Amino acid sequence: MDMEICGIDEAGRGPLAGPVTAASVILPKGFVHPLLRDSKKLSASQRKKMYSVIKDSAIAVGTGWVWPDEIDRINIHRASLLAMQRAYKNMCHKAGLCEKEIMVLVDGKWIPEGIDNCTAVIKGDSLHPPIMAASIVAKYLRDIWMEGYSLLCPNYGFEKHKGYPTQSHREAIVRYGRSPIHRHSFAGPASPSP
């Protein structure tokens, strides 16, 4: 029996606020779609469309979340790997899959602990369709979560920048202080990258 191929990717390493979110996706063999690519190369409306396509078409999808207090405790690198591990375990649990029948491709240089048959692929979100799909799911769901949270804390503009370190976001932190979802131990990159 052929092994299923699973892609895993995360969204939210760079923001000053909010969770880091990962997704784990197994696509049907031979799955193609003209919009399937790295989530950063899609508009918000294209990501929304592809999220629906992936949810309807995928063999299995799982998500993993690591929250700001956890990020502060263990650092963003470990939090990203933990989110990936949680996404994979969530997918396997929901789909009832035997992990030994899955070949796992993870975007980046590092492999999360506790995942068998796993390979790290630098720029995998531009090379492998299952990783592309995972990048879309993770980015879409994290963005939706940040938009929802903006209703609770409207002063920060989370619905616009999704927690990334834009000038307006930094100015809001200076003016209002940090919200409950800000990462207190994380300064973030010097330039914005939403």
C-alpha atoms as a PDB file:
ATOM      1  CA  MET A   1       0.000   0.000   0.000  1.00  0.00           C
ATOM      2  CA  ASP A   2       1.296   3.471  -0.907  1.00  0.00           C
ATOM      3  CA  MET A   3       2.049   5.780   1.987  1.00  0.00           C
ATOM      4  CA  GLU A   4      -0.021   8.926   2.341  1.00  0.00           C
ATOM      5  CA  ILE A   5       1.956  12.181   2.082  1.00  0.00           C
ATOM      6  CA  CYS A   6       1.258  14.760   4.761  1.00  0.00           C
ATOM      7  CA  GLY A   7       2.369  18.398   4.659  1.00  0.00           C
ATOM      8  CA  ILE A   8       2.843  20.518   7.772  1.00  0.00           C
ATOM      9  CA  ASP A   9       3.410  24.274   8.002  1.00  0.00           C
ATOM     10  CA  GLU A  10       2.841  27.069  10.489  1.00  0.00           C
ATOM     11  CA  ALA A  11       1.786  30.709  10.527  1.00  0.00           C
ATOM     12  CA  GLY A  12       2.517  33.353  13.116  1.00  0.00           C
ATOM     13  CA  ARG A  13       6.226  33.160  13.952  1.00  0.00           C
ATOM     14  CA  GLY A  14       6.813  36.870  13.369  1.00  0.00           C
ATOM     15  CA  PRO A  15       3.892  38.664  15.077  1.00  0.00           C
ATOM     16  CA  LEU A  16       4.066  40.518  18.380  1.00  0.00           C
ATOM     17  CA  ALA A  17       0.657  39.156  19.373  1.00  0.00           C
ATOM     18  CA  GLY A  18      -1.524  36.095  19.014  1.00  0.00           C
ATOM     19  CA  PRO A  19      -0.885  32.383  18.692  1.00  0.00           C
ATOM     20  CA  VAL A  20       1.378  30.459  16.375  1.00  0.00           C
ATOM     21  CA  THR A  21      -0.854  28.159  14.344  1.00  0.00           C
ATOM     22  CA  ALA A  22       0.084  25.034  12.398  1.00  0.00           C
ATOM     23  CA  ALA A  23      -1.803  22.810  10.009  1.00  0.00           C
ATOM     24  CA  SER A  24      -1.270  19.248   8.868  1.00  0.00           C
ATOM     25  CA  VAL A  25      -2.859  18.192   5.554  1.00  0.00           C
ATOM     26  CA  ILE A  26      -3.069  15.048   3.453  1.00  0.00           C
ATOM     27  CA  LEU A  27      -4.318  15.729  -0.078  1.00  0.00           C
ATOM     28  CA  PRO A  28      -5.662  13.124  -2.478  1.00  0.00           C
ATOM     29  CA  LYS A  29      -2.995  11.786  -4.812  1.00  0.00           C
ATOM     30  CA  GLY A  30      -2.723  13.929  -7.939  1.00  0.00           C
ATOM     31  CA  PHE A  31      -4.654  16.831  -6.403  1.00  0.00           C
ATOM     32  CA  VAL A  32      -4.181  20.030  -8.423  1.00  0.00           C
ATOM     33  CA  HIS A  33      -5.716  23.486  -8.255  1.00  0.00           C
ATOM     34  CA  PRO A  34      -4.552  26.685 -10.006  1.00  0.00           C
ATOM     35  CA  LEU A  35      -4.470  28.599  -6.688  1.00  0.00           C
ATOM     36  CA  LEU A  36      -2.566  25.978  -4.690  1.00  0.00           C
ATOM     37  CA  ARG A  37       0.691  27.651  -3.642  1.00  0.00           C
ATOM     38  CA  ASP A  38       2.454  29.173  -0.642  1.00  0.00           C
ATOM     39  CA  SER A  39      -0.136  31.115   1.374  1.00  0.00           C
ATOM     40  CA  LYS A  40       2.050  34.242   1.305  1.00  0.00           C
ATOM     41  CA  LYS A  41       1.551  34.388  -2.472  1.00  0.00           C
ATOM     42  CA  LEU A  42      -2.252  34.518  -2.178  1.00  0.00           C
ATOM     43  CA  SER A  43      -4.592  37.369  -1.319  1.00  0.00           C
ATOM     44  CA  ALA A  44      -6.892  37.040   1.700  1.00  0.00           C
ATOM     45  CA  SER A  45      -9.850  36.254  -0.582  1.00  0.00           C
ATOM     46  CA  GLN A  46      -7.835  33.605  -2.458  1.00  0.00           C
ATOM     47  CA  ARG A  47      -6.790  32.012   0.855  1.00  0.00           C
ATOM     48  CA  LYS A  48     -10.437  31.914   1.939  1.00  0.00           C
ATOM     49  CA  LYS A  49     -11.420  30.200  -1.306  1.00  0.00           C
ATOM     50  CA  MET A  50      -8.567  27.702  -1.071  1.00  0.00           C
ATOM     51  CA  TYR A  51      -9.316  26.968   2.581  1.00  0.00           C
ATOM     52  CA  SER A  52     -12.805  25.820   1.529  1.00  0.00           C
ATOM     53  CA  VAL A  53     -11.393  23.771  -1.368  1.00  0.00           C
ATOM     54  CA  ILE A  54      -8.844  22.098   0.908  1.00  0.00           C
ATOM     55  CA  LYS A  55     -11.385  21.352   3.656  1.00  0.00           C
ATOM     56  CA  ASP A  56     -13.734  19.800   1.070  1.00  0.00           C
ATOM     57  CA  SER A  57     -11.044  17.853  -0.815  1.00  0.00           C
ATOM     58  CA  ALA A  58      -8.430  16.775   1.720  1.00  0.00           C
ATOM     59  CA  ILE A  59      -8.201  13.244   3.061  1.00  0.00           C
ATOM     60  CA  ALA A  60      -7.331  14.687   6.464  1.00  0.00           C
ATOM     61  CA  VAL A  61      -6.698  18.097   8.065  1.00  0.00           C
ATOM     62  CA  GLY A  62      -5.502  18.888  11.579  1.00  0.00           C
ATOM     63  CA  THR A  63      -4.602  22.092  13.371  1.00  0.00           C
ATOM     64  CA  GLY A  64      -2.363  22.930  16.299  1.00  0.00           C
ATOM     65  CA  TRP A  65      -2.208  26.124  18.331  1.00  0.00           C
ATOM     66  CA  VAL A  66       0.364  27.476  20.778  1.00  0.00           C
ATOM     67  CA  TRP A  67      -0.778  30.486  22.765  1.00  0.00           C
ATOM     68  CA  PRO A  68       1.187  33.624  23.722  1.00  0.00           C
ATOM     69  CA  ASP A  69       1.845  32.537  27.327  1.00  0.00           C
ATOM     70  CA  GLU A  70       3.311  29.250  26.043  1.00  0.00           C
ATOM     71  CA  ILE A  71       5.397  31.140  23.473  1.00  0.00           C
ATOM     72  CA  ASP A  72       6.755  33.332  26.275  1.00  0.00           C
ATOM     73  CA  ARG A  73       7.648  30.247  28.326  1.00  0.00           C
ATOM     74  CA  ILE A  74       9.310  28.079  25.669  1.00  0.00           C
ATOM     75  CA  ASN A  75      10.332  30.558  22.870  1.00  0.00           C
ATOM     76  CA  ILE A  76       8.942  30.944  19.360  1.00  0.00           C
ATOM     77  CA  HIS A  77      11.121  28.250  17.768  1.00  0.00           C
ATOM     78  CA  ARG A  78       9.941  25.554  20.177  1.00  0.00           C
ATOM     79  CA  ALA A  79       6.388  26.916  20.019  1.00  0.00           C
ATOM     80  CA  SER A  80       6.341  26.569  16.219  1.00  0.00           C
ATOM     81  CA  LEU A  81       7.502  22.953  16.424  1.00  0.00           C
ATOM     82  CA  LEU A  82       4.979  22.234  19.191  1.00  0.00           C
ATOM     83  CA  ALA A  83       2.158  23.697  17.086  1.00  0.00           C
ATOM     84  CA  MET A  84       3.230  21.429  14.208  1.00  0.00           C
ATOM     85  CA  GLN A  85       3.302  18.393  16.492  1.00  0.00           C
ATOM     86  CA  ARG A  86      -0.175  19.247  17.813  1.00  0.00           C
ATOM     87  CA  ALA A  87      -1.503  19.717  14.265  1.00  0.00           C
ATOM     88  CA  TYR A  88      -0.197  16.317  13.207  1.00  0.00           C
ATOM     89  CA  LYS A  89      -1.519  14.518  16.297  1.00  0.00           C
ATOM     90  CA  ASN A  90      -4.884  16.281  15.864  1.00  0.00           C
ATOM     91  CA  MET A  91      -5.083  15.193  12.217  1.00  0.00           C
ATOM     92  CA  CYS A  92      -4.175  11.579  13.012  1.00  0.00           C
ATOM     93  CA  HIS A  93      -6.656  11.429  15.883  1.00  0.00           C
ATOM     94  CA  LYS A  94      -9.542  12.926  13.886  1.00  0.00           C
ATOM     95  CA  ALA A  95      -8.901  10.798  10.802  1.00  0.00           C
ATOM     96  CA  GLY A  96      -8.059   7.587  12.672  1.00  0.00           C
ATOM     97  CA  LEU A  97      -4.825   7.228  10.720  1.00  0.00           C
ATOM     98  CA  CYS A  98      -1.964   4.925  11.574  1.00  0.00           C
ATOM     99  CA  GLU A  99       1.072   7.232  11.701  1.00  0.00           C
ATOM    100  CA  LYS A 100       3.388   4.555  10.235  1.00  0.00           C
ATOM    101  CA  GLU A 101       1.528   4.763   6.924  1.00  0.00           C
ATOM    102  CA  ILE A 102       2.237   8.471   6.503  1.00  0.00           C
ATOM    103  CA  MET A 103       5.279  10.199   5.022  1.00  0.00           C
ATOM    104  CA  VAL A 104       5.476  13.649   6.596  1.00  0.00           C
ATOM    105  CA  LEU A 105       7.009  16.727   4.933  1.00  0.00           C
ATOM    106  CA  VAL A 106       7.542  19.732   7.198  1.00  0.00           C
ATOM    107  CA  ASP A 107       8.292  23.220   5.912  1.00  0.00           C
ATOM    108  CA  GLY A 108      11.609  24.576   7.188  1.00  0.00           C
ATOM    109  CA  LYS A 109      14.807  23.190   8.702  1.00  0.00           C
ATOM    110  CA  TRP A 110      13.531  21.484  11.832  1.00  0.00           C
ATOM    111  CA  ILE A 111      11.458  18.389  12.563  1.00  0.00           C
ATOM    112  CA  PRO A 112       8.928  18.366  15.420  1.00  0.00           C
ATOM    113  CA  GLU A 113       9.445  15.670  18.059  1.00  0.00           C
ATOM    114  CA  GLY A 114       7.329  12.558  18.062  1.00  0.00           C
ATOM    115  CA  ILE A 115       6.570  12.340  14.329  1.00  0.00           C
ATOM    116  CA  ASP A 116       7.832   9.267  12.455  1.00  0.00           C
ATOM    117  CA  ASN A 117       8.835   9.221   8.764  1.00  0.00           C
ATOM    118  CA  CYS A 118       9.354  12.989   8.831  1.00  0.00           C
ATOM    119  CA  THR A 119      11.553  15.140   6.582  1.00  0.00           C
ATOM    120  CA  ALA A 120      12.216  18.870   6.846  1.00  0.00           C
ATOM    121  CA  VAL A 121      12.093  20.696   3.499  1.00  0.00           C
ATOM    122  CA  ILE A 122      13.475  24.220   3.186  1.00  0.00           C
ATOM    123  CA  LYS A 123      11.006  26.321   1.164  1.00  0.00           C
ATOM    124  CA  GLY A 124       8.695  23.312   1.134  1.00  0.00           C
ATOM    125  CA  ASP A 125       5.679  25.631   0.967  1.00  0.00           C
ATOM    126  CA  SER A 126       6.780  26.496  -2.571  1.00  0.00           C
ATOM    127  CA  LEU A 127       7.627  22.922  -3.592  1.00  0.00           C
ATOM    128  CA  HIS A 128       5.145  20.380  -2.234  1.00  0.00           C
ATOM    129  CA  PRO A 129       1.340  20.637  -2.609  1.00  0.00           C
ATOM    130  CA  PRO A 130       0.531  19.169   0.842  1.00  0.00           C
ATOM    131  CA  ILE A 131       2.793  21.749   2.510  1.00  0.00           C
ATOM    132  CA  MET A 132       1.237  24.496   0.373  1.00  0.00           C
ATOM    133  CA  ALA A 133      -2.190  23.360   1.556  1.00  0.00           C
ATOM    134  CA  ALA A 134      -1.028  23.315   5.185  1.00  0.00           C
ATOM    135  CA  SER A 135       0.382  26.836   4.844  1.00  0.00           C
ATOM    136  CA  ILE A 136      -2.974  28.072   3.524  1.00  0.00           C
ATOM    137  CA  VAL A 137      -4.999  26.414   6.298  1.00  0.00           C
ATOM    138  CA  ALA A 138      -2.686  27.682   9.057  1.00  0.00           C
ATOM    139  CA  LYS A 139      -2.574  31.252   7.742  1.00  0.00           C
ATOM    140  CA  TYR A 140      -6.315  31.437   7.050  1.00  0.00           C
ATOM    141  CA  LEU A 141      -7.341  30.112  10.472  1.00  0.00           C
ATOM    142  CA  ARG A 142      -4.866  32.284  12.362  1.00  0.00           C
ATOM    143  CA  ASP A 143      -6.006  35.396  10.487  1.00  0.00           C
ATOM    144  CA  ILE A 144      -9.658  34.607  11.253  1.00  0.00           C
ATOM    145  CA  TRP A 145      -8.816  34.134  14.936  1.00  0.00           C
ATOM    146  CA  MET A 146      -6.984  37.491  15.036  1.00  0.00           C
ATOM    147  CA  GLU A 147      -9.928  39.230  13.347  1.00  0.00           C
ATOM    148  CA  GLY A 148     -12.265  37.764  15.956  1.00  0.00           C
ATOM    149  CA  TYR A 149     -10.024  38.843  18.802  1.00  0.00           C
ATOM    150  CA  SER A 150      -9.958  42.381  17.427  1.00  0.00           C
ATOM    151  CA  LEU A 151     -13.611  42.674  18.508  1.00  0.00           C
ATOM    152  CA  LEU A 152     -12.481  42.220  22.128  1.00  0.00           C
ATOM    153  CA  CYS A 153      -9.514  44.598  21.853  1.00  0.00           C
ATOM    154  CA  PRO A 154     -10.403  47.064  19.061  1.00  0.00           C
ATOM    155  CA  ASN A 155      -7.654  49.591  19.887  1.00  0.00           C
ATOM    156  CA  TYR A 156      -4.862  47.512  18.360  1.00  0.00           C
ATOM    157  CA  GLY A 157      -6.081  46.965  14.783  1.00  0.00           C
ATOM    158  CA  PHE A 158      -5.533  43.201  14.890  1.00  0.00           C
ATOM    159  CA  GLU A 159      -8.047  42.777  12.064  1.00  0.00           C
ATOM    160  CA  LYS A 160      -5.674  44.703   9.776  1.00  0.00           C
ATOM    161  CA  HIS A 161      -2.153  43.584  10.686  1.00  0.00           C
ATOM    162  CA  LYS A 162      -2.974  40.239  12.408  1.00  0.00           C
ATOM    163  CA  GLY A 163      -0.468  41.011  15.167  1.00  0.00           C
ATOM    164  CA  TYR A 164       2.541  41.649  12.926  1.00  0.00           C
ATOM    165  CA  PRO A 165       4.856  44.529  13.921  1.00  0.00           C
ATOM    166  CA  THR A 166       3.512  47.269  11.659  1.00  0.00           C
ATOM    167  CA  GLN A 167       4.064  50.890  12.591  1.00  0.00           C
ATOM    168  CA  SER A 168       0.417  51.332  13.608  1.00  0.00           C
ATOM    169  CA  HIS A 169       0.598  48.226  15.796  1.00  0.00           C
ATOM    170  CA  ARG A 170       3.767  49.433  17.539  1.00  0.00           C
ATOM    171  CA  GLU A 171       2.145  52.838  18.088  1.00  0.00           C
ATOM    172  CA  ALA A 172      -0.929  51.168  19.609  1.00  0.00           C
ATOM    173  CA  ILE A 173       1.285  49.247  22.048  1.00  0.00           C
ATOM    174  CA  VAL A 174       2.997  52.476  23.112  1.00  0.00           C
ATOM    175  CA  ARG A 175      -0.377  54.166  23.584  1.00  0.00           C
ATOM    176  CA  TYR A 176      -2.382  51.355  25.231  1.00  0.00           C
ATOM    177  CA  GLY A 177       0.238  48.938  26.550  1.00  0.00           C
ATOM    178  CA  ARG A 178       0.180  45.256  25.728  1.00  0.00           C
ATOM    179  CA  SER A 179      -3.065  43.303  25.443  1.00  0.00           C
ATOM    180  CA  PRO A 180      -3.599  39.850  26.983  1.00  0.00           C
ATOM    181  CA  ILE A 181      -2.559  38.212  23.699  1.00  0.00           C
ATOM    182  CA  HIS A 182       0.718  40.092  23.261  1.00  0.00           C
ATOM    183  CA  ARG A 183       3.916  38.094  23.527  1.00  0.00           C
ATOM    184  CA  HIS A 184       5.703  39.753  26.444  1.00  0.00           C
ATOM    185  CA  SER A 185       9.076  38.119  25.797  1.00  0.00           C
ATOM    186  CA  PHE A 186       9.078  38.665  22.034  1.00  0.00           C
ATOM    187  CA  ALA A 187      10.186  41.893  20.369  1.00  0.00           C
ATOM    188  CA  GLY A 188       9.642  40.607  16.833  1.00  0.00           C
ATOM    189  CA  PRO A 189      11.403  41.548  13.622  1.00  0.00           C
ATOM    190  CA  ALA A 190      12.311  45.152  12.912  1.00  0.00           C
ATOM    191  CA  SER A 191      10.281  45.343   9.716  1.00  0.00           C
ATOM    192  CA  PRO A 192       6.667  44.324   9.174  1.00  0.00           C
ATOM    193  CA  SER A 193       5.847  41.178   7.214  1.00  0.00           C
ATOM    194  CA  PRO A 194       2.065  40.597   7.197  1.00  0.00           C
END
